[in-house]
């Protein structure tokens, strides 16, 4: 999972559908992705903060629908694809040179009855698209918003982040962290990364004592 639940770490992250924890914060996005036949104009945009699982959902959708996935920043002016189910991640990073190609892709998919899944940290109205025809079509895309994590999702996320680093924390540590960190995907990623680094650097166990020191030092 490149940029979301993976957080650009040099560690493996589980990508299977069974690894995605559904809660009130992401239930709408998960439900919409599971029923592409209901998408208005057969396109949607999954919007949420970094770390919210957009790429995880995109990879699950890719595997279940034989889709072709592209990162917006990698697209160029001559971009073309024969695929009828396409994912473009991080649309806020779409190069100006690729806008016309994505405009034609959008129209070709619509004419062919294909599917278009977009992801971004920003709503379509804030994507810096200069081509008016593409901007208007993107702004008309139905949005599925992933909210900041609720208590259940935050605890599950912390557990997953530890598991992705092959760390098996005590349940009381997960509860301790969930009650004290900011309720956001970025905060969960940050504290797990800091705990892992501190434990390795100091030769200590990852526990509530170490967590308390790191959280106190962050204040």
Foldseek 3Di string as FASTA:
>chain_A
DPWALVVNDPFDADQEPVLDDDDPLQPQVLVCLVCQVPFDLQEAEEAAAGRLCPVSSVVNSCVVPVEAEEEQLPAALPDDDPDLEYEYEAQLNHDQRNQVVVLVVSVVSSVVVGHYYYYHNDQLCPRPHDPVSSSVVSNPHHYRYRHQDDLVVQLSSLCSLCVRVVHHADSVQSVVCSVPFDRGSVRSNVLSVVLVVVCVVVVHDRDVVSSVVVVVVVD
